[in-house]
Every structure is written in C-alpha cells, then in structure tokens.
Amino acid sequence: MQRLPVVAGEAPPSVSNGDTVESIVQKLGKPKGIVSGGTRTTYYYEQGTVDFVTGRVVNAMLVSSEEARERAAKRDLEEKNFRQQRETERIRLVQAGAAALARTVADKSFAALPASERAEFWAKFAKQYPTTDISAQVAQTAEAIKTDQKDRDRTDELVRLNQRVGAIQERFNELDADYAASLANWKRNEIDAERAKLKDELSVIATRVHELSATP
C-alpha cells in the first residue's frame, strides 16, 4: 500500500492511501472541521488535513504534534498582536474623535453654518470617528433642520397670501369698473355678492398673516 507524503516532523501521524474514514478518526480523533464538495471530503485537524474520495484517503498533509503546537502558538501570537493593534487603533480613534468633537463644538463659524451643511458634516464625522458619541449634536441639528423648514414654509405661505391680496385688489378694481358701467340691477347684485366674498377672504387672509407673523 502506498504511503502518502507528509510534512516533515518528529512523529507525524501514519496515514496511508486507501485508509478509511473510520481508521483516520481512530488515529487522529474527531476533526475540527469538515468540508465536502462532490465526491471529495476534507477533514481538518490541528496537525493538517486529510482528503477522502468515496470514503478513502487520497491525500494527507500532516505534521507532528510538536510542529502543530508550534504553529498554534505562532497563530495565537499573531492573533494577540492583531487584537493589540486593533485596541491601539480603537483608543487612537476615541482620542482623535473626542478632540475633533471638542474643536467643532467650540467653532463659532461651524455653528453659523446652515443646518443642512452641519448635518452633512456630522454624517461624515460619524464615519471617520465611529466610536465618538455625537447623538446630541445630530439630534440638535435635526431639530434645527425642522425649524428651518418651518421658517421656509411660513415665508412661502406669506408670499402666497400677499400675492392673493394683490389679486383681490385688482379684482376689486375690475368690479368697481363693472359696477359703474352696469345699469342692470341683477348685474350689480352679482358684483356686490362677489365683493362680499372677497372681503370675507381678505379677513381670513389678514388673520392668517397675523398668526404667521406672530410665530417665533
């Protein structure tokens, strides 16, 4: 029976071509992971991998227990270093974010920017400094945007009301001319009725303008 190649080591497990799954499990124990694709299945161990086709070993890359421990120790060290680097970066971001937030809050020119521009800034800030809490600033800016929108809506409505007042005044002039030119009572009655409606509308407009002007 042909022996499969193994990675050099003091005492790598003895695995031969044609060994069954059961015999490998008896020698190496339960695998840490199993990946299957088509007729090929790979068992993953701390010491390496064993490939099976239709339940028989076709390839093995294994090392000794000592080398496996050395690899595990190296991997653990790399993971520890990675965690330390990640924590160092997290601390750097926390400190940098706090400093950037303090500068921005103290910047009077930033506070004078339109709320929409400040909202865009905070969105970028959150991406750059995800560990910095800016919920208060975001909420404050959102409220400012609502206030700005209300102010714009109020101004737009005032413009529309003033335009309507101008149109009503023009209509009054037309009705006055029609009244003077008309000799028929029914026509003058229609004109008087329209005048009354327009006066009522002017009264409603005046009340609304007063409400809008009084809104802080």
N, C-alpha and C. Protein backbone atom coordinates (compact mmCIF):
# COMPACT_ATOMS: atom_id res chain seq x y z
N MET A 1 0.85 -1.19 0.00
CA MET A 1 0.00 0.00 0.00
C MET A 1 0.89 1.24 0.00
N GLN A 2 0.58 2.21 -0.84
CA GLN A 2 1.41 3.40 -0.98
C GLN A 2 1.20 4.35 0.20
N ARG A 3 2.28 4.84 0.81
CA ARG A 3 2.21 5.84 1.86
C ARG A 3 2.09 7.23 1.24
N LEU A 4 1.22 8.06 1.82
CA LEU A 4 1.04 9.42 1.31
C LEU A 4 2.13 10.33 1.88
N PRO A 5 2.52 11.37 1.13
CA PRO A 5 3.54 12.29 1.62
C PRO A 5 3.03 13.08 2.81
N VAL A 6 3.90 13.33 3.76
CA VAL A 6 3.55 14.13 4.93
C VAL A 6 4.61 15.19 5.11
N VAL A 7 4.24 16.26 5.81
CA VAL A 7 5.19 17.33 6.08
C VAL A 7 6.16 16.86 7.14
N ALA A 8 7.41 17.27 6.99
CA ALA A 8 8.46 16.80 7.90
C ALA A 8 8.14 17.16 9.34
N GLY A 9 8.47 16.26 10.27
CA GLY A 9 8.24 16.47 11.69
C GLY A 9 8.78 15.28 12.45
N GLU A 10 8.81 15.39 13.76
CA GLU A 10 9.38 14.30 14.55
C GLU A 10 8.57 13.03 14.42
N ALA A 11 7.27 13.15 14.57
CA ALA A 11 6.45 11.94 14.54
C ALA A 11 5.08 12.24 13.96
N PRO A 12 5.00 12.52 12.66
CA PRO A 12 3.70 12.79 12.05
C PRO A 12 2.83 11.54 12.08
N PRO A 13 1.54 11.68 12.14
CA PRO A 13 0.67 10.52 12.16
C PRO A 13 0.86 9.67 10.91
N SER A 14 0.71 8.37 11.08
CA SER A 14 0.85 7.44 9.97
C SER A 14 -0.47 7.32 9.23
N VAL A 15 -0.49 7.85 8.00
CA VAL A 15 -1.69 7.82 7.16
C VAL A 15 -1.31 7.28 5.80
N SER A 16 -2.07 6.32 5.32
CA SER A 16 -1.77 5.68 4.05
C SER A 16 -2.90 5.85 3.07
N ASN A 17 -2.55 5.85 1.80
CA ASN A 17 -3.54 5.90 0.73
C ASN A 17 -4.49 4.71 0.85
N GLY A 18 -5.78 5.03 0.85
CA GLY A 18 -6.77 3.98 0.94
C GLY A 18 -7.33 3.78 2.34
N ASP A 19 -6.73 4.43 3.36
CA ASP A 19 -7.28 4.31 4.71
C ASP A 19 -8.72 4.81 4.72
N THR A 20 -9.52 4.19 5.57
CA THR A 20 -10.93 4.58 5.66
C THR A 20 -11.11 5.76 6.60
N VAL A 21 -12.29 6.35 6.50
CA VAL A 21 -12.62 7.46 7.39
C VAL A 21 -12.55 7.00 8.84
N GLU A 22 -13.09 5.80 9.10
CA GLU A 22 -13.13 5.29 10.47
C GLU A 22 -11.72 5.14 11.04
N SER A 23 -10.79 4.63 10.24
CA SER A 23 -9.43 4.43 10.74
C SER A 23 -8.73 5.74 11.01
N ILE A 24 -9.01 6.75 10.20
CA ILE A 24 -8.39 8.06 10.41
C ILE A 24 -8.93 8.69 11.69
N VAL A 25 -10.23 8.56 11.91
CA VAL A 25 -10.82 9.12 13.12
C VAL A 25 -10.25 8.42 14.35
N GLN A 26 -10.00 7.10 14.23
CA GLN A 26 -9.39 6.37 15.34
C GLN A 26 -7.98 6.87 15.62
N LYS A 27 -7.22 7.21 14.57
CA LYS A 27 -5.84 7.66 14.74
C LYS A 27 -5.76 9.12 15.20
N LEU A 28 -6.56 9.94 14.54
CA LEU A 28 -6.41 11.39 14.75
C LEU A 28 -7.51 12.00 15.61
N GLY A 29 -8.59 11.26 15.81
CA GLY A 29 -9.70 11.80 16.57
C GLY A 29 -10.70 12.53 15.68
N LYS A 30 -11.67 13.14 16.32
CA LYS A 30 -12.71 13.86 15.60
C LYS A 30 -12.11 15.13 14.98
N PRO A 31 -12.39 15.39 13.69
CA PRO A 31 -11.79 16.57 13.03
C PRO A 31 -12.35 17.87 13.58
N LYS A 32 -11.56 18.94 13.46
CA LYS A 32 -12.01 20.27 13.89
C LYS A 32 -13.01 20.87 12.92
N GLY A 33 -12.96 20.37 11.66
CA GLY A 33 -13.89 20.85 10.64
C GLY A 33 -13.92 19.90 9.47
N ILE A 34 -15.05 19.92 8.73
CA ILE A 34 -15.22 19.06 7.56
C ILE A 34 -15.77 19.89 6.42
N VAL A 35 -15.17 19.77 5.24
CA VAL A 35 -15.65 20.46 4.05
C VAL A 35 -15.85 19.42 2.95
N SER A 36 -17.04 19.40 2.35
CA SER A 36 -17.35 18.43 1.30
C SER A 36 -17.67 19.14 0.01
N GLY A 37 -17.26 18.53 -1.10
CA GLY A 37 -17.58 19.05 -2.42
C GLY A 37 -17.53 17.94 -3.44
N GLY A 38 -18.68 17.56 -3.97
CA GLY A 38 -18.74 16.44 -4.90
C GLY A 38 -18.41 15.14 -4.18
N THR A 39 -17.48 14.39 -4.72
CA THR A 39 -17.08 13.12 -4.09
C THR A 39 -15.92 13.31 -3.12
N ARG A 40 -15.38 14.53 -3.04
CA ARG A 40 -14.20 14.79 -2.21
C ARG A 40 -14.61 15.42 -0.87
N THR A 41 -14.04 14.91 0.20
CA THR A 41 -14.29 15.45 1.54
C THR A 41 -12.95 15.67 2.23
N THR A 42 -12.81 16.79 2.88
CA THR A 42 -11.57 17.13 3.58
C THR A 42 -11.84 17.27 5.07
N TYR A 43 -11.00 16.55 5.86
CA TYR A 43 -11.06 16.65 7.31
C TYR A 43 -9.92 17.57 7.77
N TYR A 44 -10.25 18.51 8.64
CA TYR A 44 -9.27 19.46 9.14
C TYR A 44 -8.91 19.14 10.59
N TYR A 45 -7.60 18.98 10.81
CA TYR A 45 -7.08 18.72 12.14
C TYR A 45 -6.08 19.80 12.51
N GLU A 46 -5.72 19.85 13.79
CA GLU A 46 -4.68 20.78 14.21
C GLU A 46 -3.36 20.47 13.52
N GLN A 47 -3.16 19.20 13.19
CA GLN A 47 -1.90 18.77 12.57
C GLN A 47 -1.91 18.87 11.05
N GLY A 48 -3.05 19.18 10.44
CA GLY A 48 -3.11 19.29 8.98
C GLY A 48 -4.45 18.84 8.43
N THR A 49 -4.42 18.35 7.19
CA THR A 49 -5.65 17.95 6.51
C THR A 49 -5.54 16.55 5.93
N VAL A 50 -6.71 15.91 5.81
CA VAL A 50 -6.79 14.61 5.17
C VAL A 50 -7.93 14.66 4.17
N ASP A 51 -7.63 14.27 2.90
CA ASP A 51 -8.64 14.28 1.85
C ASP A 51 -9.14 12.87 1.58
N PHE A 52 -10.47 12.75 1.44
CA PHE A 52 -11.10 11.47 1.12
C PHE A 52 -11.88 11.58 -0.18
N VAL A 53 -11.89 10.48 -0.92
CA VAL A 53 -12.77 10.35 -2.08
C VAL A 53 -13.52 9.04 -1.90
N THR A 54 -14.83 9.16 -1.90
CA THR A 54 -15.71 7.99 -1.65
C THR A 54 -15.26 7.21 -0.41
N GLY A 55 -14.91 7.96 0.65
CA GLY A 55 -14.63 7.33 1.93
C GLY A 55 -13.23 6.80 2.12
N ARG A 56 -12.33 7.04 1.15
CA ARG A 56 -10.95 6.54 1.26
C ARG A 56 -9.95 7.69 1.14
N VAL A 57 -8.84 7.59 1.89
CA VAL A 57 -7.83 8.63 1.86
C VAL A 57 -7.15 8.69 0.50
N VAL A 58 -7.04 9.91 -0.05
CA VAL A 58 -6.33 10.11 -1.31
C VAL A 58 -5.17 11.10 -1.14
N ASN A 59 -5.17 11.84 -0.05
CA ASN A 59 -4.10 12.83 0.16
C ASN A 59 -4.10 13.24 1.63
N ALA A 60 -2.92 13.50 2.16
CA ALA A 60 -2.80 13.95 3.55
C ALA A 60 -1.60 14.87 3.67
N MET A 61 -1.79 15.97 4.36
CA MET A 61 -0.71 16.91 4.66
C MET A 61 -0.71 17.10 6.17
N LEU A 62 0.14 16.35 6.85
CA LEU A 62 0.13 16.34 8.31
C LEU A 62 1.53 16.62 8.87
N VAL A 63 1.55 17.16 10.05
CA VAL A 63 2.82 17.42 10.74
C VAL A 63 2.78 16.75 12.10
N SER A 64 3.90 16.77 12.78
CA SER A 64 3.97 16.16 14.10
C SER A 64 3.19 16.99 15.11
N SER A 65 2.90 16.41 16.25
CA SER A 65 2.20 17.13 17.31
C SER A 65 2.99 18.34 17.77
N GLU A 66 4.32 18.18 17.82
CA GLU A 66 5.17 19.29 18.25
C GLU A 66 5.07 20.46 17.28
N GLU A 67 5.15 20.15 15.98
CA GLU A 67 5.07 21.23 14.99
C GLU A 67 3.68 21.85 14.98
N ALA A 68 2.67 21.03 15.21
CA ALA A 68 1.31 21.56 15.28
C ALA A 68 1.18 22.54 16.44
N ARG A 69 1.79 22.19 17.57
CA ARG A 69 1.74 23.10 18.72
C ARG A 69 2.49 24.39 18.42
N GLU A 70 3.62 24.27 17.73
CA GLU A 70 4.38 25.47 17.37
C GLU A 70 3.56 26.37 16.45
N ARG A 71 2.88 25.76 15.49
CA ARG A 71 2.05 26.55 14.57
C ARG A 71 0.90 27.22 15.33
N ALA A 72 0.30 26.45 16.27
CA ALA A 72 -0.80 27.01 17.05
C ALA A 72 -0.31 28.18 17.90
N ALA A 73 0.87 28.02 18.49
CA ALA A 73 1.43 29.09 19.31
C ALA A 73 1.71 30.33 18.46
N LYS A 74 2.23 30.12 17.26
CA LYS A 74 2.51 31.24 16.37
C LYS A 74 1.21 31.94 15.97
N ARG A 75 0.20 31.12 15.68
CA ARG A 75 -1.09 31.69 15.30
C ARG A 75 -1.70 32.47 16.46
N ASP A 76 -1.58 31.92 17.68
CA ASP A 76 -2.11 32.63 18.85
C ASP A 76 -1.40 33.96 19.06
N LEU A 77 -0.07 33.95 18.83
CA LEU A 77 0.69 35.18 18.97
C LEU A 77 0.27 36.22 17.95
N GLU A 78 0.05 35.77 16.72
CA GLU A 78 -0.39 36.69 15.66
C GLU A 78 -1.76 37.26 15.99
N GLU A 79 -2.64 36.42 16.51
CA GLU A 79 -3.98 36.89 16.87
C GLU A 79 -3.90 37.89 18.03
N LYS A 80 -3.00 37.61 19.00
CA LYS A 80 -2.83 38.52 20.12
C LYS A 80 -2.30 39.87 19.64
N ASN A 81 -1.31 39.83 18.75
CA ASN A 81 -0.77 41.08 18.20
C ASN A 81 -1.84 41.85 17.43
N PHE A 82 -2.67 41.11 16.69
CA PHE A 82 -3.74 41.76 15.93
C PHE A 82 -4.73 42.43 16.86
N ARG A 83 -5.09 41.73 17.96
CA ARG A 83 -6.03 42.31 18.92
C ARG A 83 -5.43 43.55 19.57
N GLN A 84 -4.13 43.50 19.88
CA GLN A 84 -3.47 44.66 20.47
C GLN A 84 -3.46 45.84 19.51
N GLN A 85 -3.17 45.56 18.24
CA GLN A 85 -3.17 46.62 17.24
C GLN A 85 -4.56 47.22 17.07
N ARG A 86 -5.54 46.34 17.08
CA ARG A 86 -6.92 46.82 16.93
C ARG A 86 -7.33 47.68 18.13
N GLU A 87 -6.91 47.27 19.34
CA GLU A 87 -7.23 48.05 20.53
C GLU A 87 -6.50 49.39 20.52
N THR A 88 -5.24 49.37 20.06
CA THR A 88 -4.48 50.62 19.94
C THR A 88 -5.15 51.58 18.97
N GLU A 89 -5.63 51.03 17.85
CA GLU A 89 -6.32 51.86 16.86
C GLU A 89 -7.64 52.38 17.42
N ARG A 90 -8.33 51.55 18.20
CA ARG A 90 -9.60 51.98 18.80
C ARG A 90 -9.37 53.15 19.75
N ILE A 91 -8.34 53.04 20.58
CA ILE A 91 -8.02 54.11 21.52
C ILE A 91 -7.64 55.39 20.78
N ARG A 92 -6.87 55.22 19.69
CA ARG A 92 -6.48 56.39 18.90
C ARG A 92 -7.71 57.08 18.33
N LEU A 93 -8.66 56.29 17.83
CA LEU A 93 -9.88 56.86 17.26
C LEU A 93 -10.71 57.56 18.33
N VAL A 94 -10.78 56.96 19.51
CA VAL A 94 -11.55 57.57 20.60
C VAL A 94 -10.95 58.93 20.96
N GLN A 95 -9.65 58.98 21.10
CA GLN A 95 -8.98 60.23 21.47
C GLN A 95 -9.09 61.27 20.36
N ALA A 96 -8.86 60.82 19.11
CA ALA A 96 -8.94 61.75 17.98
C ALA A 96 -10.36 62.26 17.79
N GLY A 97 -11.34 61.37 17.97
CA GLY A 97 -12.73 61.76 17.82
C GLY A 97 -13.15 62.76 18.88
N ALA A 98 -12.73 62.53 20.12
CA ALA A 98 -13.06 63.45 21.21
C ALA A 98 -12.46 64.84 20.95
N ALA A 99 -11.22 64.85 20.47
CA ALA A 99 -10.56 66.13 20.19
C ALA A 99 -11.26 66.86 19.03
N ALA A 100 -11.60 66.10 17.99
CA ALA A 100 -12.27 66.71 16.83
C ALA A 100 -13.65 67.24 17.22
N LEU A 101 -14.36 66.50 18.08
CA LEU A 101 -15.68 66.93 18.52
C LEU A 101 -15.58 68.22 19.33
N ALA A 102 -14.59 68.28 20.23
CA ALA A 102 -14.41 69.48 21.04
C ALA A 102 -14.11 70.70 20.17
N ARG A 103 -13.25 70.51 19.17
CA ARG A 103 -12.91 71.63 18.27
C ARG A 103 -14.14 72.11 17.51
N THR A 104 -14.93 71.16 17.03
CA THR A 104 -16.10 71.51 16.22
C THR A 104 -17.15 72.24 17.05
N VAL A 105 -17.40 71.74 18.24
CA VAL A 105 -18.41 72.37 19.11
C VAL A 105 -18.01 73.79 19.49
N ALA A 106 -16.71 74.02 19.63
CA ALA A 106 -16.22 75.35 20.02
C ALA A 106 -16.09 76.31 18.83
N ASP A 107 -16.26 75.81 17.63
CA ASP A 107 -16.07 76.61 16.42
C ASP A 107 -17.33 77.42 16.13
N LYS A 108 -17.29 78.72 16.32
CA LYS A 108 -18.46 79.58 16.11
C LYS A 108 -18.84 79.64 14.63
N SER A 109 -17.85 79.57 13.77
CA SER A 109 -18.16 79.60 12.33
C SER A 109 -18.92 78.36 11.91
N PHE A 110 -18.63 77.22 12.55
CA PHE A 110 -19.37 76.00 12.25
C PHE A 110 -20.82 76.13 12.71
N ALA A 111 -21.01 76.70 13.89
CA ALA A 111 -22.36 76.87 14.43
C ALA A 111 -23.20 77.79 13.54
N ALA A 112 -22.54 78.68 12.80
CA ALA A 112 -23.26 79.61 11.94
C ALA A 112 -23.64 79.02 10.59
N LEU A 113 -23.13 77.82 10.29
CA LEU A 113 -23.46 77.19 9.01
C LEU A 113 -24.93 76.79 8.96
N PRO A 114 -25.51 76.70 7.76
CA PRO A 114 -26.88 76.19 7.65
C PRO A 114 -26.99 74.79 8.25
N ALA A 115 -28.14 74.48 8.79
CA ALA A 115 -28.33 73.19 9.46
C ALA A 115 -28.07 72.02 8.52
N SER A 116 -28.43 72.19 7.25
CA SER A 116 -28.23 71.10 6.29
C SER A 116 -26.75 70.79 6.11
N GLU A 117 -25.91 71.84 6.10
CA GLU A 117 -24.47 71.63 5.96
C GLU A 117 -23.89 70.98 7.21
N ARG A 118 -24.41 71.38 8.36
CA ARG A 118 -23.94 70.77 9.60
C ARG A 118 -24.34 69.29 9.65
N ALA A 119 -25.50 68.96 9.13
CA ALA A 119 -25.94 67.56 9.10
C ALA A 119 -25.02 66.72 8.23
N GLU A 120 -24.62 67.26 7.08
CA GLU A 120 -23.68 66.55 6.21
C GLU A 120 -22.34 66.34 6.91
N PHE A 121 -21.90 67.35 7.65
CA PHE A 121 -20.64 67.24 8.38
C PHE A 121 -20.70 66.12 9.41
N TRP A 122 -21.79 66.07 10.17
CA TRP A 122 -21.90 65.04 11.22
C TRP A 122 -22.00 63.65 10.63
N ALA A 123 -22.59 63.52 9.45
CA ALA A 123 -22.66 62.21 8.80
C ALA A 123 -21.25 61.72 8.44
N LYS A 124 -20.42 62.62 7.93
CA LYS A 124 -19.03 62.27 7.60
C LYS A 124 -18.23 62.01 8.88
N PHE A 125 -18.50 62.81 9.90
CA PHE A 125 -17.81 62.67 11.17
C PHE A 125 -18.06 61.27 11.76
N ALA A 126 -19.31 60.82 11.69
CA ALA A 126 -19.66 59.51 12.24
C ALA A 126 -18.92 58.38 11.55
N LYS A 127 -18.68 58.52 10.25
CA LYS A 127 -17.93 57.50 9.52
C LYS A 127 -16.45 57.53 9.89
N GLN A 128 -15.92 58.73 10.09
CA GLN A 128 -14.49 58.86 10.39
C GLN A 128 -14.18 58.48 11.84
N TYR A 129 -15.13 58.80 12.75
CA TYR A 129 -14.92 58.50 14.18
C TYR A 129 -16.14 57.74 14.72
N PRO A 130 -16.27 56.47 14.34
CA PRO A 130 -17.47 55.70 14.73
C PRO A 130 -17.60 55.46 16.22
N THR A 131 -16.51 55.62 16.98
CA THR A 131 -16.58 55.37 18.42
C THR A 131 -16.98 56.62 19.21
N THR A 132 -17.08 57.76 18.55
CA THR A 132 -17.41 59.01 19.24
C THR A 132 -18.92 59.24 19.24
N ASP A 133 -19.46 59.51 20.40
CA ASP A 133 -20.90 59.72 20.54
C ASP A 133 -21.26 61.15 20.13
N ILE A 134 -21.97 61.29 19.03
CA ILE A 134 -22.41 62.61 18.57
C ILE A 134 -23.93 62.65 18.47
N SER A 135 -24.59 61.79 19.24
CA SER A 135 -26.06 61.72 19.17
C SER A 135 -26.70 63.05 19.53
N ALA A 136 -26.14 63.76 20.52
CA ALA A 136 -26.71 65.04 20.92
C ALA A 136 -26.59 66.07 19.79
N GLN A 137 -25.43 66.09 19.15
CA GLN A 137 -25.22 67.04 18.04
C GLN A 137 -26.12 66.70 16.85
N VAL A 138 -26.28 65.42 16.57
CA VAL A 138 -27.13 65.01 15.45
C VAL A 138 -28.59 65.38 15.73
N ALA A 139 -29.04 65.14 16.97
CA ALA A 139 -30.42 65.47 17.33
C ALA A 139 -30.65 66.97 17.26
N GLN A 140 -29.69 67.74 17.75
CA GLN A 140 -29.80 69.20 17.72
C GLN A 140 -29.86 69.72 16.29
N THR A 141 -29.03 69.15 15.43
CA THR A 141 -29.03 69.56 14.02
C THR A 141 -30.32 69.18 13.33
N ALA A 142 -30.84 68.00 13.63
CA ALA A 142 -32.12 67.57 13.03
C ALA A 142 -33.25 68.51 13.43
N GLU A 143 -33.23 68.94 14.70
CA GLU A 143 -34.26 69.89 15.16
C GLU A 143 -34.11 71.23 14.45
N ALA A 144 -32.86 71.65 14.23
CA ALA A 144 -32.62 72.91 13.52
C ALA A 144 -33.12 72.83 12.08
N ILE A 145 -32.95 71.66 11.46
CA ILE A 145 -33.44 71.48 10.09
C ILE A 145 -34.96 71.61 10.05
N LYS A 146 -35.62 71.02 11.06
CA LYS A 146 -37.08 71.13 11.12
C LYS A 146 -37.50 72.59 11.28
N THR A 147 -36.79 73.32 12.13
CA THR A 147 -37.10 74.73 12.35
C THR A 147 -36.89 75.54 11.07
N ASP A 148 -35.78 75.26 10.39
CA ASP A 148 -35.52 75.95 9.12
C ASP A 148 -36.62 75.68 8.10
N GLN A 149 -37.07 74.44 8.06
CA GLN A 149 -38.12 74.08 7.10
C GLN A 149 -39.42 74.80 7.44
N LYS A 150 -39.71 74.89 8.75
CA LYS A 150 -40.92 75.61 9.16
C LYS A 150 -40.83 77.08 8.77
N ASP A 151 -39.64 77.66 8.93
CA ASP A 151 -39.45 79.06 8.55
C ASP A 151 -39.64 79.25 7.05
N ARG A 152 -39.11 78.32 6.27
CA ARG A 152 -39.28 78.41 4.82
C ARG A 152 -40.75 78.26 4.43
N ASP A 153 -41.42 77.31 5.07
CA ASP A 153 -42.84 77.11 4.77
C ASP A 153 -43.66 78.35 5.14
N ARG A 154 -43.33 78.96 6.28
CA ARG A 154 -44.05 80.16 6.72
C ARG A 154 -43.82 81.31 5.73
N THR A 155 -42.56 81.47 5.31
CA THR A 155 -42.26 82.53 4.34
C THR A 155 -42.97 82.30 3.03
N ASP A 156 -42.98 81.05 2.55
CA ASP A 156 -43.66 80.74 1.29
C ASP A 156 -45.15 81.04 1.39
N GLU A 157 -45.74 80.69 2.54
CA GLU A 157 -47.19 80.94 2.71
C GLU A 157 -47.48 82.43 2.74
N LEU A 158 -46.62 83.21 3.42
CA LEU A 158 -46.81 84.66 3.45
C LEU A 158 -46.75 85.26 2.05
N VAL A 159 -45.82 84.75 1.25
CA VAL A 159 -45.70 85.24 -0.13
C VAL A 159 -46.98 84.93 -0.90
N ARG A 160 -47.47 83.70 -0.76
CA ARG A 160 -48.69 83.32 -1.48
C ARG A 160 -49.89 84.17 -1.02
N LEU A 161 -49.98 84.42 0.28
CA LEU A 161 -51.10 85.22 0.79
C LEU A 161 -51.02 86.65 0.28
N ASN A 162 -49.83 87.23 0.26
CA ASN A 162 -49.68 88.59 -0.24
C ASN A 162 -50.00 88.67 -1.73
N GLN A 163 -49.62 87.63 -2.46
CA GLN A 163 -49.97 87.60 -3.89
C GLN A 163 -51.49 87.53 -4.07
N ARG A 164 -52.14 86.77 -3.20
CA ARG A 164 -53.60 86.67 -3.29
C ARG A 164 -54.26 87.99 -2.95
N VAL A 165 -53.70 88.71 -1.95
CA VAL A 165 -54.25 90.02 -1.61
C VAL A 165 -54.15 90.96 -2.81
N GLY A 166 -53.01 90.93 -3.50
CA GLY A 166 -52.85 91.76 -4.68
C GLY A 166 -53.86 91.41 -5.76
N ALA A 167 -54.11 90.10 -5.95
CA ALA A 167 -55.08 89.68 -6.95
C ALA A 167 -56.49 90.14 -6.57
N ILE A 168 -56.79 90.09 -5.28
CA ILE A 168 -58.12 90.52 -4.83
C ILE A 168 -58.30 92.02 -5.06
N GLN A 169 -57.26 92.80 -4.78
CA GLN A 169 -57.34 94.24 -5.01
C GLN A 169 -57.58 94.55 -6.49
N GLU A 170 -56.90 93.81 -7.35
CA GLU A 170 -57.12 94.01 -8.79
C GLU A 170 -58.56 93.65 -9.17
N ARG A 171 -59.06 92.58 -8.54
CA ARG A 171 -60.44 92.18 -8.84
C ARG A 171 -61.42 93.22 -8.35
N PHE A 172 -61.13 93.84 -7.20
CA PHE A 172 -62.00 94.93 -6.71
C PHE A 172 -62.06 96.07 -7.72
N ASN A 173 -60.92 96.42 -8.29
CA ASN A 173 -60.89 97.50 -9.29
C ASN A 173 -61.73 97.13 -10.50
N GLU A 174 -61.63 95.87 -10.94
CA GLU A 174 -62.43 95.43 -12.08
C GLU A 174 -63.92 95.48 -11.75
N LEU A 175 -64.27 95.04 -10.53
CA LEU A 175 -65.69 95.05 -10.14
C LEU A 175 -66.23 96.47 -10.03
N ASP A 176 -65.36 97.38 -9.52
CA ASP A 176 -65.82 98.77 -9.43
C ASP A 176 -66.14 99.32 -10.82
N ALA A 177 -65.26 99.00 -11.78
CA ALA A 177 -65.49 99.47 -13.15
C ALA A 177 -66.75 98.84 -13.73
N ASP A 178 -66.94 97.53 -13.48
CA ASP A 178 -68.14 96.86 -14.00
C ASP A 178 -69.41 97.43 -13.36
N TYR A 179 -69.33 97.74 -12.07
CA TYR A 179 -70.50 98.27 -11.37
C TYR A 179 -70.91 99.62 -11.94
N ALA A 180 -69.90 100.46 -12.19
CA ALA A 180 -70.20 101.79 -12.73
C ALA A 180 -70.76 101.70 -14.14
N ALA A 181 -70.33 100.71 -14.90
CA ALA A 181 -70.77 100.59 -16.29
C ALA A 181 -72.09 99.86 -16.43
N SER A 182 -72.49 99.15 -15.38
CA SER A 182 -73.71 98.33 -15.49
C SER A 182 -74.92 99.10 -14.99
N LEU A 183 -76.01 98.97 -15.73
CA LEU A 183 -77.28 99.60 -15.33
C LEU A 183 -78.29 98.57 -14.86
N ALA A 184 -77.95 97.27 -15.06
CA ALA A 184 -78.88 96.19 -14.69
C ALA A 184 -78.70 95.87 -13.20
N ASN A 185 -79.85 95.83 -12.50
CA ASN A 185 -79.79 95.53 -11.06
C ASN A 185 -79.22 94.14 -10.78
N TRP A 186 -79.60 93.15 -11.61
CA TRP A 186 -79.13 91.79 -11.36
C TRP A 186 -77.61 91.70 -11.45
N LYS A 187 -77.04 92.52 -12.40
CA LYS A 187 -75.59 92.50 -12.55
C LYS A 187 -74.92 93.13 -11.34
N ARG A 188 -75.51 94.26 -10.86
CA ARG A 188 -74.92 94.92 -9.69
C ARG A 188 -75.05 94.03 -8.44
N ASN A 189 -76.12 93.25 -8.39
CA ASN A 189 -76.27 92.33 -7.26
C ASN A 189 -75.19 91.24 -7.28
N GLU A 190 -74.88 90.76 -8.47
CA GLU A 190 -73.81 89.77 -8.60
C GLU A 190 -72.47 90.35 -8.17
N ILE A 191 -72.24 91.61 -8.59
CA ILE A 191 -70.98 92.27 -8.23
C ILE A 191 -70.88 92.46 -6.72
N ASP A 192 -71.99 92.88 -6.09
CA ASP A 192 -71.99 93.07 -4.64
C ASP A 192 -71.74 91.75 -3.91
N ALA A 193 -72.32 90.68 -4.44
CA ALA A 193 -72.13 89.37 -3.81
C ALA A 193 -70.66 88.93 -3.90
N GLU A 194 -70.05 89.18 -5.06
CA GLU A 194 -68.64 88.80 -5.21
C GLU A 194 -67.76 89.66 -4.32
N ARG A 195 -68.11 90.96 -4.21
CA ARG A 195 -67.35 91.84 -3.33
C ARG A 195 -67.39 91.33 -1.88
N ALA A 196 -68.55 90.89 -1.47
CA ALA A 196 -68.71 90.41 -0.10
C ALA A 196 -67.83 89.17 0.15
N LYS A 197 -67.83 88.27 -0.82
CA LYS A 197 -66.99 87.07 -0.69
C LYS A 197 -65.51 87.44 -0.61
N LEU A 198 -65.11 88.39 -1.47
CA LEU A 198 -63.70 88.80 -1.48
C LEU A 198 -63.31 89.47 -0.16
N LYS A 199 -64.23 90.26 0.41
CA LYS A 199 -63.95 90.90 1.70
C LYS A 199 -63.78 89.85 2.80
N ASP A 200 -64.65 88.83 2.74
CA ASP A 200 -64.52 87.75 3.73
C ASP A 200 -63.17 87.04 3.59
N GLU A 201 -62.77 86.81 2.34
CA GLU A 201 -61.47 86.15 2.10
C GLU A 201 -60.33 87.02 2.60
N LEU A 202 -60.43 88.35 2.40
CA LEU A 202 -59.40 89.25 2.89
C LEU A 202 -59.30 89.21 4.41
N SER A 203 -60.46 89.08 5.05
CA SER A 203 -60.47 88.99 6.51
C SER A 203 -59.76 87.72 6.99
N VAL A 204 -60.02 86.60 6.31
CA VAL A 204 -59.38 85.34 6.66
C VAL A 204 -57.87 85.44 6.43
N ILE A 205 -57.49 86.06 5.32
CA ILE A 205 -56.07 86.22 4.99
C ILE A 205 -55.38 87.08 6.05
N ALA A 206 -56.03 88.15 6.45
CA ALA A 206 -55.44 89.05 7.44
C ALA A 206 -55.20 88.31 8.76
N THR A 207 -56.15 87.46 9.14
CA THR A 207 -55.98 86.68 10.38
C THR A 207 -54.80 85.72 10.27
N ARG A 208 -54.71 85.06 9.11
CA ARG A 208 -53.61 84.09 8.91
C ARG A 208 -52.27 84.79 8.87
N VAL A 209 -52.20 85.95 8.22
CA VAL A 209 -50.95 86.71 8.16
C VAL A 209 -50.52 87.12 9.56
N HIS A 210 -51.47 87.51 10.38
CA HIS A 210 -51.16 87.88 11.76
C HIS A 210 -50.61 86.69 12.53
N GLU A 211 -51.21 85.50 12.33
CA GLU A 211 -50.73 84.29 13.00
C GLU A 211 -49.31 83.95 12.58
N LEU A 212 -49.06 84.02 11.28
CA LEU A 212 -47.73 83.69 10.76
C LEU A 212 -46.68 84.69 11.24
N SER A 213 -47.06 85.96 11.29
CA SER A 213 -46.12 87.00 11.70
C SER A 213 -45.81 86.90 13.18
N ALA A 214 -46.76 86.38 13.96
CA ALA A 214 -46.56 86.28 15.40
C ALA A 214 -45.83 85.02 15.81
N THR A 215 -45.68 84.07 14.88
CA THR A 215 -44.98 82.81 15.19
C THR A 215 -43.50 83.07 15.38
N PRO A 216 -42.92 82.65 16.51
CA PRO A 216 -41.49 82.89 16.74
C PRO A 216 -40.62 82.06 15.82
